[in-house]
Structure formats: structure tokens, C-alpha cells
């Protein structure tokens, strides 16, 4: 008798106030100066839990993962190149960033996915080479 009522009330559906959680995984491409994969996707407004792994075995240079807006990418890249990849904690151009990590290490960052669009990500120590795109959908 209650089954039809549950169907009408949306039994099993998530409350509108509950935020969707999306787990994303990305790594450096072994000892190559690149991300693997270099394209990620998530819906707008989701709580994104991004895990980044430095998969290098020989490369001793530290890596990180940093999200920005397309119109900020070039200026941010130039600043990183001029400052040896040093990241200011309060830089408004940075939407999210993992801590730096050494080869074999894994780090994580959580953030709320921005409005729909394509957002570039990069490594601050290799801003011209290690790049990718986060596609944020509706």
C-alpha cells in the first residue's frame, strides 16, 4: 500500500540540498612532463575530490595540479615560470590546487566545481608543458 506513495514522493532520490560528490584521478605520465589523462569532466556545483599521483620513477622534480580560468592561464604560467613554480596561497587566479608532491607520492584537493565551461589545469613547476582541461557540465 505504501509503495505507490513512495514512487510518487521520489523514494530513493537524493534531496535537492545534498551535493553530488565526484572523485577524479589524475597522474603525471610516468617520467614524461605531462598529465594522464589531460582531460577531466565533472558537473557544475559538485564537490570534486581530486587525487593527483606523481607517477615518475626517475624524475625528481616536484609536481602539482592547479585549476584556473582560461583568461588567466597565460599570465599565471608566466608568473610561475619567473618564480620557479612558487604558488601564492592567496592568488585569486587559482580556483583549486594540490600541494606539491615528490615522485611516488599522492596528494588530494577538494573544491566545488565552478560554473559550466572549460577550465585549464597545469603544474606550476612545468606551466608550459603540463596542461589539461577540466570540462564542467550543467
Protein backbone atom coordinates (compact mmCIF):
# COMPACT_ATOMS: atom_id res chain seq x y z
CA UNK A 1 0.00 0.00 0.00
CA UNK A 2 2.90 2.38 0.71
CA UNK A 3 4.81 1.53 -2.49
CA UNK A 4 2.71 3.81 -4.73
CA UNK A 5 3.20 6.64 -2.23
CA UNK A 6 7.00 6.14 -2.22
CA UNK A 7 7.03 6.23 -6.01
CA UNK A 8 5.08 9.48 -6.02
CA UNK A 9 7.33 11.03 -3.38
CA UNK A 10 10.51 10.02 -5.20
CA UNK A 11 11.74 7.31 -2.88
CA UNK A 12 15.45 6.71 -3.40
CA UNK A 13 16.11 10.15 -4.88
CA UNK A 14 18.68 12.43 -3.36
CA UNK A 15 17.37 15.54 -1.59
CA UNK A 16 17.96 18.71 -3.63
CA UNK A 17 20.19 20.08 -0.87
CA UNK A 18 22.59 17.12 -0.98
CA UNK A 19 25.63 17.96 -3.12
CA UNK A 20 26.87 15.44 -5.68
CA UNK A 21 30.37 14.13 -4.96
CA UNK A 22 32.71 13.38 -7.86
CA UNK A 23 36.02 11.55 -7.43
CA UNK A 24 38.61 12.33 -10.11
CA UNK A 25 42.04 10.74 -10.51
CA UNK A 26 44.97 12.16 -12.46
CA UNK A 27 48.69 11.42 -12.51
CA UNK A 28 51.86 12.57 -14.11
CA UNK A 29 52.57 10.48 -17.21
CA UNK A 30 55.39 8.49 -15.64
CA UNK A 31 58.61 10.40 -16.18
CA UNK A 32 57.18 12.45 -19.05
CA UNK A 33 56.28 16.05 -18.28
CA UNK A 34 52.56 15.58 -18.93
CA UNK A 35 49.28 14.77 -17.20
CA UNK A 36 47.48 11.49 -17.76
CA UNK A 37 44.68 11.91 -18.59
CA UNK A 38 44.84 15.51 -19.76
CA UNK A 39 41.05 15.91 -19.87
CA UNK A 40 38.67 15.58 -16.91
CA UNK A 41 34.90 16.13 -16.61
CA UNK A 42 32.54 16.93 -13.75
CA UNK A 43 29.14 18.63 -13.29
CA UNK A 44 28.83 22.18 -12.02
CA UNK A 45 28.27 22.54 -8.28
CA UNK A 46 29.65 19.09 -7.44
CA UNK A 47 32.07 18.53 -4.60
CA UNK A 48 35.13 17.37 -6.52
CA UNK A 49 37.65 15.19 -4.71
CA UNK A 50 40.67 15.19 -7.00
CA UNK A 51 43.53 12.80 -6.34
CA UNK A 52 46.86 13.52 -8.05
CA UNK A 53 49.69 10.97 -8.18
CA UNK A 54 53.29 11.77 -9.18
CA UNK A 55 53.95 8.62 -11.19
CA UNK A 56 57.56 9.45 -12.01
CA UNK A 57 60.24 6.94 -11.12
CA UNK A 58 63.31 8.85 -12.25
CA UNK A 59 62.22 12.48 -12.35
CA UNK A 60 62.92 14.14 -9.01
CA UNK A 61 61.16 17.41 -9.83
CA UNK A 62 58.03 18.01 -7.79
CA UNK A 63 54.61 18.33 -9.46
CA UNK A 64 51.20 19.66 -8.51
CA UNK A 65 47.77 20.14 -10.10
CA UNK A 66 46.29 23.62 -10.30
CA UNK A 67 42.94 24.81 -11.73
CA UNK A 68 42.42 28.29 -13.20
CA UNK A 69 40.23 30.19 -15.66
CA UNK A 70 41.07 30.28 -19.36
CA UNK A 71 41.61 34.05 -19.34
CA UNK A 72 44.17 33.70 -16.50
CA UNK A 73 46.22 30.80 -17.89
CA UNK A 74 48.95 32.69 -19.76
CA UNK A 75 49.58 35.32 -17.08
CA UNK A 76 49.68 32.64 -14.38
CA UNK A 77 52.05 30.50 -16.48
CA UNK A 78 54.43 33.44 -16.95
CA UNK A 79 54.40 34.17 -13.22
CA UNK A 80 55.17 30.53 -12.41
CA UNK A 81 58.00 30.43 -14.96
CA UNK A 82 59.50 33.60 -13.46
CA UNK A 83 59.14 32.36 -9.85
CA UNK A 84 60.25 28.72 -10.16
CA UNK A 85 56.67 27.50 -9.81
CA UNK A 86 56.08 29.14 -6.43
CA UNK A 87 52.37 29.45 -5.74
CA UNK A 88 50.96 32.33 -3.70
CA UNK A 89 48.39 30.97 -1.25
CA UNK A 90 46.01 33.86 -1.87
CA UNK A 91 46.29 34.18 -5.67
CA UNK A 92 42.71 34.86 -6.88
CA UNK A 93 43.53 33.29 -10.27
CA UNK A 94 43.80 29.86 -8.65
CA UNK A 95 40.47 28.04 -8.26
CA UNK A 96 41.95 24.90 -6.66
CA UNK A 97 45.40 23.38 -6.20
CA UNK A 98 47.01 20.31 -4.71
CA UNK A 99 50.12 20.60 -2.60
CA UNK A 100 53.42 19.87 -4.35
CA UNK A 101 54.37 16.21 -4.31
CA UNK A 102 57.52 14.20 -4.92
CA UNK A 103 57.82 11.16 -7.15
CA UNK A 104 55.71 8.27 -5.93
CA UNK A 105 53.55 10.48 -3.72
CA UNK A 106 49.80 11.09 -3.94
CA UNK A 107 48.00 14.28 -2.85
CA UNK A 108 44.40 15.42 -2.87
CA UNK A 109 42.34 18.60 -3.14
CA UNK A 110 38.61 19.18 -2.70
CA UNK A 111 36.69 22.00 -4.34
CA UNK A 112 33.25 22.93 -5.60
CA UNK A 113 33.07 22.69 -9.39
CA UNK A 114 32.63 26.14 -10.94
CA UNK A 115 30.00 27.18 -13.46
CA UNK A 116 29.83 25.25 -16.76
CA UNK A 117 32.74 25.76 -19.12
CA UNK A 118 36.26 24.62 -19.90
CA UNK A 119 38.86 25.33 -17.22
CA UNK A 120 42.57 24.79 -17.82
CA UNK A 121 44.73 23.00 -15.30
CA UNK A 122 48.51 22.93 -15.10
CA UNK A 123 51.52 22.08 -12.99
CA UNK A 124 53.10 25.23 -11.54
CA UNK A 125 56.65 23.85 -11.96
CA UNK A 126 56.01 22.96 -15.63
CA UNK A 127 53.37 25.53 -16.69
CA UNK A 128 54.06 25.35 -20.41
CA UNK A 129 54.21 21.55 -20.70
CA UNK A 130 51.90 20.02 -18.11
CA UNK A 131 48.43 21.25 -19.04
CA UNK A 132 44.93 19.92 -19.48
CA UNK A 133 41.25 20.85 -19.43
CA UNK A 134 38.52 20.30 -16.85
CA UNK A 135 35.15 20.24 -18.66
CA UNK A 136 32.45 21.40 -16.27
CA UNK A 137 28.99 20.40 -17.48
CA UNK A 138 25.50 21.52 -16.45
